[in-house]
Amino acid sequence: MFGLGVPELLIILVIGLVVFGAGKLPEVGRAFGKSIREFKEASTEDPKMIDVTEKDKEAKNG
């Protein structure tokens, strides 16, 4: 997983605890997980729904 071992993950966890505090850390993790989930869903959607190109502008301008 990205070349991170247990010691590195523990250091990241300790830094997170210091920066955000124990009460806020689960909320930050939940928001991070939700962001990743939404990104994955958006990247697997139909490309036609996401594609906004000059074709639409040309069709409107005639």
PDB file of N, CA and C in Angstrom:
ATOM      1  N   MET A   1       0.852  -1.181   0.000  1.00  0.00           N
ATOM      2  CA  MET A   1       0.000   0.000   0.000  1.00  0.00           C
ATOM      3  C   MET A   1       0.891   1.234   0.000  1.00  0.00           C
ATOM      4  N   PHE A   2       1.236   1.728  -1.166  1.00  0.00           N
ATOM      5  CA  PHE A   2       2.013   2.935  -1.346  1.00  0.00           C
ATOM      6  C   PHE A   2       3.384   2.866  -0.677  1.00  0.00           C
ATOM      7  N   GLY A   3       3.868   1.674  -0.383  1.00  0.00           N
ATOM      8  CA  GLY A   3       5.171   1.528   0.231  1.00  0.00           C
ATOM      9  C   GLY A   3       5.219   1.974   1.686  1.00  0.00           C
ATOM     10  N   LEU A   4       4.072   2.067   2.346  1.00  0.00           N
ATOM     11  CA  LEU A   4       4.032   2.464   3.747  1.00  0.00           C
ATOM     12  C   LEU A   4       3.974   1.221   4.622  1.00  0.00           C
ATOM     13  N   GLY A   5       4.828   1.208   5.632  1.00  0.00           N
ATOM     14  CA  GLY A   5       4.815   0.119   6.584  1.00  0.00           C
ATOM     15  C   GLY A   5       4.074   0.522   7.850  1.00  0.00           C
ATOM     16  N   VAL A   6       4.092  -0.376   8.825  1.00  0.00           N
ATOM     17  CA  VAL A   6       3.407  -0.127  10.092  1.00  0.00           C
ATOM     18  C   VAL A   6       3.993   1.083  10.816  1.00  0.00           C
ATOM     19  N   PRO A   7       5.320   1.219  10.900  1.00  0.00           N
ATOM     20  CA  PRO A   7       5.845   2.402  11.614  1.00  0.00           C
ATOM     21  C   PRO A   7       5.412   3.727  10.990  1.00  0.00           C
ATOM     22  N   GLU A   8       5.393   3.771   9.662  1.00  0.00           N
ATOM     23  CA  GLU A   8       4.979   5.006   8.994  1.00  0.00           C
ATOM     24  C   GLU A   8       3.509   5.319   9.263  1.00  0.00           C
ATOM     25  N   LEU A   9       2.667   4.281   9.216  1.00  0.00           N
ATOM     26  CA  LEU A   9       1.246   4.491   9.493  1.00  0.00           C
ATOM     27  C   LEU A   9       1.009   4.945  10.928  1.00  0.00           C
ATOM     28  N   LEU A  10       1.772   4.401  11.866  1.00  0.00           N
ATOM     29  CA  LEU A  10       1.649   4.837  13.261  1.00  0.00           C
ATOM     30  C   LEU A  10       2.060   6.292  13.427  1.00  0.00           C
ATOM     31  N   ILE A  11       3.104   6.706  12.745  1.00  0.00           N
ATOM     32  CA  ILE A  11       3.538   8.105  12.820  1.00  0.00           C
ATOM     33  C   ILE A  11       2.466   9.018  12.247  1.00  0.00           C
ATOM     34  N   ILE A  12       1.863   8.610  11.125  1.00  0.00           N
ATOM     35  CA  ILE A  12       0.782   9.407  10.536  1.00  0.00           C
ATOM     36  C   ILE A  12      -0.404   9.494  11.492  1.00  0.00           C
ATOM     37  N   LEU A  13      -0.737   8.395  12.150  1.00  0.00           N
ATOM     38  CA  LEU A  13      -1.842   8.387  13.114  1.00  0.00           C
ATOM     39  C   LEU A  13      -1.557   9.322  14.287  1.00  0.00           C
ATOM     40  N   VAL A  14      -0.340   9.289  14.810  1.00  0.00           N
ATOM     41  CA  VAL A  14       0.026  10.154  15.942  1.00  0.00           C
ATOM     42  C   VAL A  14      -0.037  11.619  15.524  1.00  0.00           C
ATOM     43  N   ILE A  15       0.459  11.940  14.332  1.00  0.00           N
ATOM     44  CA  ILE A  15       0.392  13.319  13.844  1.00  0.00           C
ATOM     45  C   ILE A  15      -1.067  13.754  13.691  1.00  0.00           C
ATOM     46  N   GLY A  16      -1.904  12.859  13.180  1.00  0.00           N
ATOM     47  CA  GLY A  16      -3.334  13.168  13.058  1.00  0.00           C
ATOM     48  C   GLY A  16      -3.978  13.421  14.402  1.00  0.00           C
ATOM     49  N   LEU A  17      -3.610  12.626  15.401  1.00  0.00           N
ATOM     50  CA  LEU A  17      -4.153  12.834  16.744  1.00  0.00           C
ATOM     51  C   LEU A  17      -3.725  14.178  17.319  1.00  0.00           C
ATOM     52  N   VAL A  18      -2.485  14.553  17.082  1.00  0.00           N
ATOM     53  CA  VAL A  18      -1.993  15.833  17.608  1.00  0.00           C
ATOM     54  C   VAL A  18      -2.667  17.001  16.906  1.00  0.00           C
ATOM     55  N   VAL A  19      -2.818  16.901  15.584  1.00  0.00           N
ATOM     56  CA  VAL A  19      -3.363  18.018  14.815  1.00  0.00           C
ATOM     57  C   VAL A  19      -4.863  18.159  15.029  1.00  0.00           C
ATOM     58  N   PHE A  20      -5.600  17.050  14.922  1.00  0.00           N
ATOM     59  CA  PHE A  20      -7.061  17.134  14.956  1.00  0.00           C
ATOM     60  C   PHE A  20      -7.661  16.796  16.308  1.00  0.00           C
ATOM     61  N   GLY A  21      -6.967  16.079  17.161  1.00  0.00           N
ATOM     62  CA  GLY A  21      -7.509  15.673  18.449  1.00  0.00           C
ATOM     63  C   GLY A  21      -8.293  14.381  18.312  1.00  0.00           C
ATOM     64  N   ALA A  22      -8.432  13.679  19.404  1.00  0.00           N
ATOM     65  CA  ALA A  22      -9.076  12.365  19.388  1.00  0.00           C
ATOM     66  C   ALA A  22     -10.558  12.451  19.039  1.00  0.00           C
ATOM     67  N   GLY A  23     -11.216  13.503  19.426  1.00  0.00           N
ATOM     68  CA  GLY A  23     -12.648  13.636  19.153  1.00  0.00           C
ATOM     69  C   GLY A  23     -12.956  13.951  17.704  1.00  0.00           C
ATOM     70  N   LYS A  24     -12.083  14.668  17.045  1.00  0.00           N
ATOM     71  CA  LYS A  24     -12.310  15.123  15.670  1.00  0.00           C
ATOM     72  C   LYS A  24     -11.793  14.123  14.631  1.00  0.00           C
ATOM     73  N   LEU A  25     -10.881  13.229  15.030  1.00  0.00           N
ATOM     74  CA  LEU A  25     -10.245  12.314  14.083  1.00  0.00           C
ATOM     75  C   LEU A  25     -11.234  11.390  13.367  1.00  0.00           C
ATOM     76  N   PRO A  26     -12.223  10.790  14.043  1.00  0.00           N
ATOM     77  CA  PRO A  26     -13.185   9.951  13.309  1.00  0.00           C
ATOM     78  C   PRO A  26     -13.981  10.733  12.268  1.00  0.00           C
ATOM     79  N   GLU A  27     -14.308  11.966  12.573  1.00  0.00           N
ATOM     80  CA  GLU A  27     -15.041  12.811  11.622  1.00  0.00           C
ATOM     81  C   GLU A  27     -14.193  13.113  10.387  1.00  0.00           C
ATOM     82  N   VAL A  28     -12.909  13.370  10.592  1.00  0.00           N
ATOM     83  CA  VAL A  28     -11.998  13.626   9.479  1.00  0.00           C
ATOM     84  C   VAL A  28     -11.852  12.373   8.625  1.00  0.00           C
ATOM     85  N   GLY A  29     -11.722  11.219   9.268  1.00  0.00           N
ATOM     86  CA  GLY A  29     -11.617   9.962   8.532  1.00  0.00           C
ATOM     87  C   GLY A  29     -12.867   9.648   7.736  1.00  0.00           C
ATOM     88  N   ARG A  30     -14.017   9.926   8.310  1.00  0.00           N
ATOM     89  CA  ARG A  30     -15.292   9.691   7.625  1.00  0.00           C
ATOM     90  C   ARG A  30     -15.408  10.593   6.394  1.00  0.00           C
ATOM     91  N   ALA A  31     -15.037  11.846   6.542  1.00  0.00           N
ATOM     92  CA  ALA A  31     -15.089  12.778   5.411  1.00  0.00           C
ATOM     93  C   ALA A  31     -14.113  12.367   4.317  1.00  0.00           C
ATOM     94  N   PHE A  32     -12.934  11.895   4.708  1.00  0.00           N
ATOM     95  CA  PHE A  32     -11.935  11.447   3.742  1.00  0.00           C
ATOM     96  C   PHE A  32     -12.435  10.218   2.986  1.00  0.00           C
ATOM     97  N   GLY A  33     -13.017   9.264   3.695  1.00  0.00           N
ATOM     98  CA  GLY A  33     -13.563   8.070   3.057  1.00  0.00           C
ATOM     99  C   GLY A  33     -14.710   8.396   2.119  1.00  0.00           C
ATOM    100  N   LYS A  34     -15.565   9.322   2.520  1.00  0.00           N
ATOM    101  CA  LYS A  34     -16.683   9.735   1.668  1.00  0.00           C
ATOM    102  C   LYS A  34     -16.180  10.406   0.399  1.00  0.00           C
ATOM    103  N   SER A  35     -15.137  11.215   0.527  1.00  0.00           N
ATOM    104  CA  SER A  35     -14.564  11.880  -0.649  1.00  0.00           C
ATOM    105  C   SER A  35     -13.984  10.869  -1.625  1.00  0.00           C
ATOM    106  N   ILE A  36     -13.285   9.867  -1.108  1.00  0.00           N
ATOM    107  CA  ILE A  36     -12.712   8.835  -1.976  1.00  0.00           C
ATOM    108  C   ILE A  36     -13.817   8.039  -2.655  1.00  0.00           C
ATOM    109  N   ARG A  37     -14.872   7.693  -1.918  1.00  0.00           N
ATOM    110  CA  ARG A  37     -15.994   6.942  -2.484  1.00  0.00           C
ATOM    111  C   ARG A  37     -16.677   7.734  -3.597  1.00  0.00           C
ATOM    112  N   GLU A  38     -16.918   9.019  -3.386  1.00  0.00           N
ATOM    113  CA  GLU A  38     -17.547   9.854  -4.405  1.00  0.00           C
ATOM    114  C   GLU A  38     -16.663   9.997  -5.638  1.00  0.00           C
ATOM    115  N   PHE A  39     -15.336  10.079  -5.428  1.00  0.00           N
ATOM    116  CA  PHE A  39     -14.414  10.169  -6.556  1.00  0.00           C
ATOM    117  C   PHE A  39     -14.453   8.887  -7.383  1.00  0.00           C
ATOM    118  N   LYS A  40     -14.466   7.742  -6.720  1.00  0.00           N
ATOM    119  CA  LYS A  40     -14.534   6.468  -7.440  1.00  0.00           C
ATOM    120  C   LYS A  40     -15.833   6.353  -8.217  1.00  0.00           C
ATOM    121  N   GLU A  41     -16.952   6.749  -7.617  1.00  0.00           N
ATOM    122  CA  GLU A  41     -18.243   6.696  -8.311  1.00  0.00           C
ATOM    123  C   GLU A  41     -18.244   7.620  -9.524  1.00  0.00           C
ATOM    124  N   ALA A  42     -17.672   8.793  -9.375  1.00  0.00           N
ATOM    125  CA  ALA A  42     -17.646   9.745 -10.486  1.00  0.00           C
ATOM    126  C   ALA A  42     -16.742   9.262 -11.605  1.00  0.00           C
ATOM    127  N   SER A  43     -15.675   8.575 -11.277  1.00  0.00           N
ATOM    128  CA  SER A  43     -14.755   8.111 -12.316  1.00  0.00           C
ATOM    129  C   SER A  43     -15.289   6.898 -13.059  1.00  0.00           C
ATOM    130  N   THR A  44     -16.264   6.192 -12.489  1.00  0.00           N
ATOM    131  CA  THR A  44     -16.820   5.020 -13.170  1.00  0.00           C
ATOM    132  C   THR A  44     -18.147   5.322 -13.857  1.00  0.00           C
ATOM    133  N   GLU A  45     -18.639   6.544 -13.758  1.00  0.00           N
ATOM    134  CA  GLU A  45     -19.897   6.905 -14.410  1.00  0.00           C
ATOM    135  C   GLU A  45     -19.739   6.926 -15.916  1.00  0.00           C
ATOM    136  N   ASP A  46     -20.847   6.992 -16.612  1.00  0.00           N
ATOM    137  CA  ASP A  46     -20.858   7.051 -18.062  1.00  0.00           C
ATOM    138  C   ASP A  46     -20.140   8.316 -18.516  1.00  0.00           C
ATOM    139  N   PRO A  47     -19.130   8.181 -19.367  1.00  0.00           N
ATOM    140  CA  PRO A  47     -18.376   9.366 -19.794  1.00  0.00           C
ATOM    141  C   PRO A  47     -19.231  10.386 -20.534  1.00  0.00           C
ATOM    142  N   LYS A  48     -20.317   9.964 -21.153  1.00  0.00           N
ATOM    143  CA  LYS A  48     -21.176  10.900 -21.866  1.00  0.00           C
ATOM    144  C   LYS A  48     -21.840  11.878 -20.902  1.00  0.00           C
ATOM    145  N   MET A  49     -22.089  11.435 -19.667  1.00  0.00           N
ATOM    146  CA  MET A  49     -22.717  12.315 -18.683  1.00  0.00           C
ATOM    147  C   MET A  49     -21.737  13.374 -18.204  1.00  0.00           C
ATOM    148  N   ILE A  50     -20.472  13.040 -18.147  1.00  0.00           N
ATOM    149  CA  ILE A  50     -19.471  13.953 -17.618  1.00  0.00           C
ATOM    150  C   ILE A  50     -18.927  14.873 -18.700  1.00  0.00           C
ATOM    151  N   ASP A  51     -18.902  14.415 -19.934  1.00  0.00           N
ATOM    152  CA  ASP A  51     -18.272  15.129 -21.034  1.00  0.00           C
ATOM    153  C   ASP A  51     -19.029  16.403 -21.387  1.00  0.00           C
ATOM    154  N   VAL A  52     -18.396  17.528 -21.166  1.00  0.00           N
ATOM    155  CA  VAL A  52     -18.950  18.816 -21.563  1.00  0.00           C
ATOM    156  C   VAL A  52     -17.930  19.416 -22.523  1.00  0.00           C
ATOM    157  N   THR A  53     -18.273  19.382 -23.798  1.00  0.00           N
ATOM    158  CA  THR A  53     -17.307  19.808 -24.806  1.00  0.00           C
ATOM    159  C   THR A  53     -17.860  20.951 -25.634  1.00  0.00           C
ATOM    160  N   GLU A  54     -17.102  21.320 -26.605  1.00  0.00           N
ATOM    161  CA  GLU A  54     -17.482  22.406 -27.508  1.00  0.00           C
ATOM    162  C   GLU A  54     -18.680  22.012 -28.378  1.00  0.00           C
ATOM    163  N   LYS A  55     -18.952  20.732 -28.513  1.00  0.00           N
ATOM    164  CA  LYS A  55     -20.079  20.289 -29.323  1.00  0.00           C
ATOM    165  C   LYS A  55     -21.384  20.904 -28.820  1.00  0.00           C
ATOM    166  N   ASP A  56     -21.542  20.937 -27.496  1.00  0.00           N
ATOM    167  CA  ASP A  56     -22.762  21.511 -26.933  1.00  0.00           C
ATOM    168  C   ASP A  56     -22.880  23.002 -27.249  1.00  0.00           C
ATOM    169  N   LYS A  57     -21.780  23.712 -27.169  1.00  0.00           N
ATOM    170  CA  LYS A  57     -21.793  25.145 -27.450  1.00  0.00           C
ATOM    171  C   LYS A  57     -22.050  25.399 -28.940  1.00  0.00           C
ATOM    172  N   GLU A  58     -21.454  24.575 -29.796  1.00  0.00           N
ATOM    173  CA  GLU A  58     -21.641  24.739 -31.235  1.00  0.00           C
ATOM    174  C   GLU A  58     -23.082  24.464 -31.642  1.00  0.00           C
ATOM    175  N   ALA A  59     -23.704  23.503 -31.003  1.00  0.00           N
ATOM    176  CA  ALA A  59     -25.084  23.162 -31.332  1.00  0.00           C
ATOM    177  C   ALA A  59     -26.025  24.303 -30.936  1.00  0.00           C
ATOM    178  N   LYS A  60     -25.723  24.958 -29.824  1.00  0.00           N
ATOM    179  CA  LYS A  60     -26.578  26.067 -29.375  1.00  0.00           C
ATOM    180  C   LYS A  60     -26.398  27.298 -30.248  1.00  0.00           C
ATOM    181  N   ASN A  61     -25.165  27.530 -30.678  1.00  0.00           N
ATOM    182  CA  ASN A  61     -24.883  28.721 -31.486  1.00  0.00           C
ATOM    183  C   ASN A  61     -25.312  28.543 -32.935  1.00  0.00           C
ATOM    184  N   GLY A  62     -25.477  27.297 -33.371  1.00  0.00           N
ATOM    185  CA  GLY A  62     -25.972  27.031 -34.718  1.00  0.00           C
ATOM    186  C   GLY A  62     -24.933  27.190 -35.712  1.00  0.00           C
TER     187      GLY A  62
END
